[in-house]
Amino acid sequence: MTYPREVLNRIKWVKGGLSDVIVTYVHRGAPDDMAMIKGEDIVELGRSFFRVGESHVPYHRIIKIENDGEEVYRA
């Protein structure tokens, strides 16, 4: 099984960065309880979360990761 953190780290370090990434994740209170973030807005890939600005999003909330228009992860 591949975990979202592994997918994001592989894209960041092997494929040259997160600029072509879109992450869809559970965001309570947002329309349909889902939000999308561009990879270029991810500040940090932590051990159990990724950080966008001052927000910390746990990896277990990630629903889908797309890289350059191709789905590379789905929960």
C-alpha atoms as a PDB file:
ATOM      1  CA  MET A   1       0.000   0.000   0.000  1.00  0.00           C
ATOM      2  CA  THR A   2       1.274   3.467  -0.890  1.00  0.00           C
ATOM      3  CA  TYR A   3       0.561   6.309   1.502  1.00  0.00           C
ATOM      4  CA  PRO A   4      -0.106   9.948   0.487  1.00  0.00           C
ATOM      5  CA  ARG A   5       3.054  11.185   2.234  1.00  0.00           C
ATOM      6  CA  GLU A   6       5.157   8.754   0.182  1.00  0.00           C
ATOM      7  CA  VAL A   7       3.476   9.887  -3.034  1.00  0.00           C
ATOM      8  CA  LEU A   8       4.043  13.586  -2.288  1.00  0.00           C
ATOM      9  CA  ASN A   9       7.663  13.034  -1.238  1.00  0.00           C
ATOM     10  CA  ARG A  10       8.386  10.997  -4.369  1.00  0.00           C
ATOM     11  CA  ILE A  11       6.954  13.738  -6.576  1.00  0.00           C
ATOM     12  CA  LYS A  12       8.832  16.446  -4.667  1.00  0.00           C
ATOM     13  CA  TRP A  13      12.251  14.780  -4.622  1.00  0.00           C
ATOM     14  CA  VAL A  14      12.264  12.528  -7.705  1.00  0.00           C
ATOM     15  CA  LYS A  15      10.076  14.404 -10.172  1.00  0.00           C
ATOM     16  CA  GLY A  16      11.388  17.842  -9.309  1.00  0.00           C
ATOM     17  CA  GLY A  17       8.746  19.548  -7.207  1.00  0.00           C
ATOM     18  CA  LEU A  18       5.088  19.880  -6.351  1.00  0.00           C
ATOM     19  CA  SER A  19       4.167  22.684  -8.765  1.00  0.00           C
ATOM     20  CA  ASP A  20       2.007  20.407 -10.982  1.00  0.00           C
ATOM     21  CA  VAL A  21       0.221  18.731  -8.046  1.00  0.00           C
ATOM     22  CA  ILE A  22      -3.391  19.148  -6.928  1.00  0.00           C
ATOM     23  CA  VAL A  23      -4.402  17.609  -3.582  1.00  0.00           C
ATOM     24  CA  THR A  24      -8.081  17.041  -2.769  1.00  0.00           C
ATOM     25  CA  TYR A  25      -8.800  16.523   0.918  1.00  0.00           C
ATOM     26  CA  VAL A  26     -11.556  16.513   3.539  1.00  0.00           C
ATOM     27  CA  HIS A  27     -12.085  20.034   4.883  1.00  0.00           C
ATOM     28  CA  ARG A  28     -14.994  20.263   7.280  1.00  0.00           C
ATOM     29  CA  GLY A  29     -17.088  23.353   6.687  1.00  0.00           C
ATOM     30  CA  ALA A  30     -16.061  23.755   3.045  1.00  0.00           C
ATOM     31  CA  PRO A  31     -18.621  23.056   0.302  1.00  0.00           C
ATOM     32  CA  ASP A  32     -19.225  19.285   0.224  1.00  0.00           C
ATOM     33  CA  ASP A  33     -16.629  19.055   3.044  1.00  0.00           C
ATOM     34  CA  MET A  34     -13.836  18.945   0.446  1.00  0.00           C
ATOM     35  CA  ALA A  35     -11.094  21.350  -0.604  1.00  0.00           C
ATOM     36  CA  MET A  36      -8.349  21.386  -3.229  1.00  0.00           C
ATOM     37  CA  ILE A  37      -4.875  22.822  -2.837  1.00  0.00           C
ATOM     38  CA  LYS A  38      -2.119  23.397  -5.372  1.00  0.00           C
ATOM     39  CA  GLY A  39       1.171  21.695  -4.628  1.00  0.00           C
ATOM     40  CA  GLU A  40       3.024  24.996  -4.905  1.00  0.00           C
ATOM     41  CA  ASP A  41       1.084  26.179  -1.824  1.00  0.00           C
ATOM     42  CA  ILE A  42       2.330  23.293   0.336  1.00  0.00           C
ATOM     43  CA  VAL A  43       4.928  24.712   2.706  1.00  0.00           C
ATOM     44  CA  GLU A  44       6.006  21.518   4.484  1.00  0.00           C
ATOM     45  CA  LEU A  45       5.574  17.756   4.248  1.00  0.00           C
ATOM     46  CA  GLY A  46       5.635  16.749   7.901  1.00  0.00           C
ATOM     47  CA  ARG A  47       5.569  13.315   9.452  1.00  0.00           C
ATOM     48  CA  SER A  48       1.776  13.076   9.869  1.00  0.00           C
ATOM     49  CA  PHE A  49       0.523  16.214   8.114  1.00  0.00           C
ATOM     50  CA  PHE A  50       1.262  18.667   5.338  1.00  0.00           C
ATOM     51  CA  ARG A  51       1.278  22.386   6.007  1.00  0.00           C
ATOM     52  CA  VAL A  52      -0.388  25.067   3.925  1.00  0.00           C
ATOM     53  CA  GLY A  53       0.264  28.510   5.350  1.00  0.00           C
ATOM     54  CA  GLU A  54      -0.542  28.193   9.050  1.00  0.00           C
ATOM     55  CA  SER A  55      -2.888  25.199   8.551  1.00  0.00           C
ATOM     56  CA  HIS A  56      -1.809  21.623   9.206  1.00  0.00           C
ATOM     57  CA  VAL A  57      -3.728  18.980   7.227  1.00  0.00           C
ATOM     58  CA  PRO A  58      -3.357  15.342   8.330  1.00  0.00           C
ATOM     59  CA  TYR A  59      -2.455  12.959   5.520  1.00  0.00           C
ATOM     60  CA  HIS A  60      -5.388  10.692   6.391  1.00  0.00           C
ATOM     61  CA  ARG A  61      -7.730  13.420   5.107  1.00  0.00           C
ATOM     62  CA  ILE A  62      -6.303  13.257   1.580  1.00  0.00           C
ATOM     63  CA  ILE A  63      -8.785  11.819  -0.889  1.00  0.00           C
ATOM     64  CA  LYS A  64      -6.906  12.269  -4.152  1.00  0.00           C
ATOM     65  CA  ILE A  65      -3.553  13.453  -5.496  1.00  0.00           C
ATOM     66  CA  GLU A  66      -3.104  14.472  -9.132  1.00  0.00           C
ATOM     67  CA  ASN A  67       0.217  15.204 -10.781  1.00  0.00           C
ATOM     68  CA  ASP A  68       0.253  16.978 -14.128  1.00  0.00           C
ATOM     69  CA  GLY A  69      -3.422  16.050 -14.661  1.00  0.00           C
ATOM     70  CA  GLU A  70      -2.917  12.343 -13.883  1.00  0.00           C
ATOM     71  CA  GLU A  71      -4.401  10.738 -10.759  1.00  0.00           C
ATOM     72  CA  VAL A  72      -1.506   9.201  -8.812  1.00  0.00           C
ATOM     73  CA  TYR A  73      -3.275   8.475  -5.505  1.00  0.00           C
ATOM     74  CA  ARG A  74      -6.839   7.786  -4.377  1.00  0.00           C
ATOM     75  CA  ALA A  75      -7.946   6.843  -0.872  1.00  0.00           C
END
